[in-house]
Amino acid sequence: MTPPYLKPGDKIGIVSTARKITLEELQPAVDCFRNEGFEIVFGKNLFKVENQFSGTDDERAEDLQLMLDDFEIKAILCARGGYGTVRIIDKLNFTEFQKNPKWICGFSDVTVLHSHIERNFGIETIHSIMPVQLQKLGGESEAAKTLIN
């Protein structure tokens, strides 16, 4: 199953299922997506710090779960990779996500989500750059354009 393609005005959620991140690191991506007409929604625990993680396992799982369940969110971008998604995969419930599929985007540690979603639900996801990379690449890069188009 293919989730609906994004269009200007859609809401894109940003969470960190693994390593911690700052607003400064995300700002180039946020600017890029907003310039393309998308509304950005941050996970409520996105900027928390728990050792190298973006919050505790429960907080990271909560952020992703809220985005998976929100019918207004059309894509979920994982802010960065690292290690941590495998620690929360068993805490997630994909019932609402199956009713309302959306794009899950990222690579590295996020691969556990891609694999789980494809194997169990047959829903397409996108193995892609993550918002943290746009700090170096810039919003005009080919990678940024292909992610949002």
C-alpha atoms as a PDB file:
ATOM      1  CA  MET A   1       0.000   0.000   0.000  1.00  0.00           C
ATOM      2  CA  THR A   2       1.251   3.459  -0.878  1.00  0.00           C
ATOM      3  CA  PRO A   3       0.435   6.338   1.486  1.00  0.00           C
ATOM      4  CA  PRO A   4      -0.960   9.482  -0.175  1.00  0.00           C
ATOM      5  CA  TYR A   5       1.657  11.745  -1.710  1.00  0.00           C
ATOM      6  CA  LEU A   6       2.332  15.013   0.094  1.00  0.00           C
ATOM      7  CA  LYS A   7       0.890  18.305  -1.069  1.00  0.00           C
ATOM      8  CA  PRO A   8       1.393  21.858   0.190  1.00  0.00           C
ATOM      9  CA  GLY A   9      -0.525  22.461   3.395  1.00  0.00           C
ATOM     10  CA  ASP A  10       0.026  18.917   4.677  1.00  0.00           C
ATOM     11  CA  LYS A  11       1.371  18.410   8.179  1.00  0.00           C
ATOM     12  CA  ILE A  12       4.760  16.750   8.566  1.00  0.00           C
ATOM     13  CA  GLY A  13       5.731  15.433  11.984  1.00  0.00           C
ATOM     14  CA  ILE A  14       9.329  15.390  13.158  1.00  0.00           C
ATOM     15  CA  VAL A  15      10.393  13.032  15.939  1.00  0.00           C
ATOM     16  CA  SER A  16      13.666  11.593  17.106  1.00  0.00           C
ATOM     17  CA  THR A  17      13.407   7.897  17.774  1.00  0.00           C
ATOM     18  CA  ALA A  18      17.079   7.721  18.702  1.00  0.00           C
ATOM     19  CA  ARG A  19      19.770  10.369  19.272  1.00  0.00           C
ATOM     20  CA  LYS A  20      19.187  13.788  20.762  1.00  0.00           C
ATOM     21  CA  ILE A  21      18.887  16.837  18.527  1.00  0.00           C
ATOM     22  CA  THR A  22      18.659  20.612  18.867  1.00  0.00           C
ATOM     23  CA  LEU A  23      16.389  23.117  17.159  1.00  0.00           C
ATOM     24  CA  GLU A  24      19.494  24.721  15.660  1.00  0.00           C
ATOM     25  CA  GLU A  25      20.355  21.426  13.939  1.00  0.00           C
ATOM     26  CA  LEU A  26      16.795  21.110  12.615  1.00  0.00           C
ATOM     27  CA  GLN A  27      16.170  24.704  11.578  1.00  0.00           C
ATOM     28  CA  PRO A  28      17.441  24.376   7.959  1.00  0.00           C
ATOM     29  CA  ALA A  29      15.069  21.444   7.387  1.00  0.00           C
ATOM     30  CA  VAL A  30      12.161  23.234   9.048  1.00  0.00           C
ATOM     31  CA  ASP A  31      12.769  26.298   6.879  1.00  0.00           C
ATOM     32  CA  CYS A  32      13.008  24.140   3.750  1.00  0.00           C
ATOM     33  CA  PHE A  33       9.747  22.304   4.417  1.00  0.00           C
ATOM     34  CA  ARG A  34       7.872  25.452   5.416  1.00  0.00           C
ATOM     35  CA  ASN A  35       9.106  27.200   2.251  1.00  0.00           C
ATOM     36  CA  GLU A  36       7.544  24.354   0.264  1.00  0.00           C
ATOM     37  CA  GLY A  37       4.209  24.994   1.994  1.00  0.00           C
ATOM     38  CA  PHE A  38       4.203  22.248   4.623  1.00  0.00           C
ATOM     39  CA  GLU A  39       3.221  22.659   8.261  1.00  0.00           C
ATOM     40  CA  ILE A  40       5.767  21.227  10.695  1.00  0.00           C
ATOM     41  CA  VAL A  41       4.722  19.541  13.937  1.00  0.00           C
ATOM     42  CA  PHE A  42       7.403  18.646  16.487  1.00  0.00           C
ATOM     43  CA  GLY A  43       7.095  15.694  18.820  1.00  0.00           C
ATOM     44  CA  LYS A  44       6.530  17.057  22.326  1.00  0.00           C
ATOM     45  CA  ASN A  45       9.679  15.339  23.605  1.00  0.00           C
ATOM     46  CA  LEU A  46      11.828  16.029  20.537  1.00  0.00           C
ATOM     47  CA  PHE A  47      14.351  18.276  22.248  1.00  0.00           C
ATOM     48  CA  LYS A  48      14.654  16.350  25.518  1.00  0.00           C
ATOM     49  CA  VAL A  49      17.977  14.826  26.508  1.00  0.00           C
ATOM     50  CA  GLU A  50      18.512  11.476  28.207  1.00  0.00           C
ATOM     51  CA  ASN A  51      22.184  10.563  27.839  1.00  0.00           C
ATOM     52  CA  GLN A  52      22.707  10.360  24.055  1.00  0.00           C
ATOM     53  CA  PHE A  53      18.960   9.945  23.402  1.00  0.00           C
ATOM     54  CA  SER A  54      16.193  12.399  22.622  1.00  0.00           C
ATOM     55  CA  GLY A  55      14.378  11.589  25.860  1.00  0.00           C
ATOM     56  CA  THR A  56      13.702   8.287  27.555  1.00  0.00           C
ATOM     57  CA  ASP A  57      12.554   5.210  25.644  1.00  0.00           C
ATOM     58  CA  ASP A  58       8.991   5.897  26.805  1.00  0.00           C
ATOM     59  CA  GLU A  59       9.151   9.554  25.716  1.00  0.00           C
ATOM     60  CA  ARG A  60      10.508   8.693  22.269  1.00  0.00           C
ATOM     61  CA  ALA A  61       7.888   5.973  21.846  1.00  0.00           C
ATOM     62  CA  GLU A  62       5.170   8.398  22.955  1.00  0.00           C
ATOM     63  CA  ASP A  63       6.222  10.961  20.340  1.00  0.00           C
ATOM     64  CA  LEU A  64       6.202   8.422  17.541  1.00  0.00           C
ATOM     65  CA  GLN A  65       2.935   6.870  18.715  1.00  0.00           C
ATOM     66  CA  LEU A  66       1.174  10.245  18.761  1.00  0.00           C
ATOM     67  CA  MET A  67       2.359  10.913  15.198  1.00  0.00           C
ATOM     68  CA  LEU A  68       1.348   7.423  14.020  1.00  0.00           C
ATOM     69  CA  ASP A  69      -2.145   7.934  15.483  1.00  0.00           C
ATOM     70  CA  ASP A  70      -2.698  11.528  14.282  1.00  0.00           C
ATOM     71  CA  PHE A  71      -4.857  11.488  11.149  1.00  0.00           C
ATOM     72  CA  GLU A  72      -3.710  15.016  10.261  1.00  0.00           C
ATOM     73  CA  ILE A  73      -0.027  14.057  10.055  1.00  0.00           C
ATOM     74  CA  LYS A  74       0.770  12.933   6.489  1.00  0.00           C
ATOM     75  CA  ALA A  75       4.462  12.089   6.952  1.00  0.00           C
ATOM     76  CA  ILE A  76       6.771  11.396   9.870  1.00  0.00           C
ATOM     77  CA  LEU A  77      10.394  12.397   9.498  1.00  0.00           C
ATOM     78  CA  CYS A  78      12.862  10.907  11.906  1.00  0.00           C
ATOM     79  CA  ALA A  79      15.192  13.766  12.801  1.00  0.00           C
ATOM     80  CA  ARG A  80      18.373  11.702  12.902  1.00  0.00           C
ATOM     81  CA  GLY A  81      19.684   8.196  13.275  1.00  0.00           C
ATOM     82  CA  GLY A  82      21.954   6.688  15.861  1.00  0.00           C
ATOM     83  CA  TYR A  83      20.790   3.967  18.167  1.00  0.00           C
ATOM     84  CA  GLY A  84      17.472   3.781  19.979  1.00  0.00           C
ATOM     85  CA  THR A  85      14.609   2.893  17.640  1.00  0.00           C
ATOM     86  CA  VAL A  86      15.051  -0.823  18.242  1.00  0.00           C
ATOM     87  CA  ARG A  87      14.556  -0.059  21.950  1.00  0.00           C
ATOM     88  CA  ILE A  88      11.058   1.350  21.327  1.00  0.00           C
ATOM     89  CA  ILE A  89       9.657  -0.753  18.452  1.00  0.00           C
ATOM     90  CA  ASP A  90       7.845  -3.149  20.804  1.00  0.00           C
ATOM     91  CA  LYS A  91       6.180  -0.230  22.619  1.00  0.00           C
ATOM     92  CA  LEU A  92       4.375   0.917  19.458  1.00  0.00           C
ATOM     93  CA  ASN A  93       0.832   0.126  18.347  1.00  0.00           C
ATOM     94  CA  PHE A  94       0.269   0.371  14.579  1.00  0.00           C
ATOM     95  CA  THR A  95      -3.533  -0.062  14.579  1.00  0.00           C
ATOM     96  CA  GLU A  96      -4.385   3.551  13.701  1.00  0.00           C
ATOM     97  CA  PHE A  97      -1.416   3.800  11.323  1.00  0.00           C
ATOM     98  CA  GLN A  98      -2.823   0.880   9.319  1.00  0.00           C
ATOM     99  CA  LYS A  99      -6.138   2.749   8.967  1.00  0.00           C
ATOM    100  CA  ASN A 100      -4.347   5.955   7.950  1.00  0.00           C
ATOM    101  CA  PRO A 101      -0.945   5.126   6.409  1.00  0.00           C
ATOM    102  CA  LYS A 102       1.573   7.933   6.163  1.00  0.00           C
ATOM    103  CA  TRP A 103       5.137   8.206   5.014  1.00  0.00           C
ATOM    104  CA  ILE A 104       7.810   7.193   7.531  1.00  0.00           C
ATOM    105  CA  CYS A 105      11.130   8.673   6.404  1.00  0.00           C
ATOM    106  CA  GLY A 106      14.721   8.158   7.478  1.00  0.00           C
ATOM    107  CA  PHE A 107      17.611   5.724   7.391  1.00  0.00           C
ATOM    108  CA  SER A 108      20.195   4.242   9.740  1.00  0.00           C
ATOM    109  CA  ASP A 109      18.458   3.272  12.970  1.00  0.00           C
ATOM    110  CA  VAL A 110      15.061   3.973  11.370  1.00  0.00           C
ATOM    111  CA  THR A 111      15.505   0.856   9.221  1.00  0.00           C
ATOM    112  CA  VAL A 112      13.881  -1.171  11.998  1.00  0.00           C
ATOM    113  CA  LEU A 113      10.650   0.806  11.367  1.00  0.00           C
ATOM    114  CA  HIS A 114      10.868   0.316   7.595  1.00  0.00           C
ATOM    115  CA  SER A 115      11.374  -3.409   8.017  1.00  0.00           C
ATOM    116  CA  HIS A 116       8.627  -3.829  10.630  1.00  0.00           C
ATOM    117  CA  ILE A 117       6.050  -1.831   8.657  1.00  0.00           C
ATOM    118  CA  GLU A 118       6.756  -3.537   5.315  1.00  0.00           C
ATOM    119  CA  ARG A 119       6.889  -7.059   6.756  1.00  0.00           C
ATOM    120  CA  ASN A 120       3.806  -6.769   8.949  1.00  0.00           C
ATOM    121  CA  PHE A 121       1.549  -4.346   7.072  1.00  0.00           C
ATOM    122  CA  GLY A 122       2.816  -4.069   3.476  1.00  0.00           C
ATOM    123  CA  ILE A 123       2.860  -0.261   3.703  1.00  0.00           C
ATOM    124  CA  GLU A 124       5.555   1.620   1.810  1.00  0.00           C
ATOM    125  CA  THR A 125       8.039   3.822   3.661  1.00  0.00           C
ATOM    126  CA  ILE A 126      10.925   5.962   2.429  1.00  0.00           C
ATOM    127  CA  HIS A 127      14.570   5.189   3.133  1.00  0.00           C
ATOM    128  CA  SER A 128      15.773   8.783   2.891  1.00  0.00           C
ATOM    129  CA  ILE A 129      17.956  11.535   4.237  1.00  0.00           C
ATOM    130  CA  MET A 130      16.918  12.935   7.577  1.00  0.00           C
ATOM    131  CA  PRO A 131      16.331  16.523   8.639  1.00  0.00           C
ATOM    132  CA  VAL A 132      19.690  16.754  10.451  1.00  0.00           C
ATOM    133  CA  GLN A 133      21.500  16.267   7.112  1.00  0.00           C
ATOM    134  CA  LEU A 134      19.905  19.400   5.664  1.00  0.00           C
ATOM    135  CA  GLN A 135      22.024  21.453   8.045  1.00  0.00           C
ATOM    136  CA  LYS A 136      25.019  20.543   5.857  1.00  0.00           C
ATOM    137  CA  LEU A 137      23.339  19.955   2.481  1.00  0.00           C
ATOM    138  CA  GLY A 138      20.949  22.888   2.520  1.00  0.00           C
ATOM    139  CA  GLY A 139      17.298  23.011   1.494  1.00  0.00           C
ATOM    140  CA  GLU A 140      18.146  23.470  -2.167  1.00  0.00           C
ATOM    141  CA  SER A 141      20.042  20.203  -2.417  1.00  0.00           C
ATOM    142  CA  GLU A 142      18.781  17.475  -4.728  1.00  0.00           C
ATOM    143  CA  ALA A 143      18.339  15.184  -1.712  1.00  0.00           C
ATOM    144  CA  ALA A 144      16.042  17.719  -0.018  1.00  0.00           C
ATOM    145  CA  LYS A 145      14.012  18.246  -3.187  1.00  0.00           C
ATOM    146  CA  THR A 146      13.480  14.540  -3.768  1.00  0.00           C
ATOM    147  CA  LEU A 147      12.415  13.984  -0.164  1.00  0.00           C
ATOM    148  CA  ILE A 148       9.631  16.560  -0.279  1.00  0.00           C
ATOM    149  CA  ASN A 149       8.515  16.102  -3.872  1.00  0.00           C
END
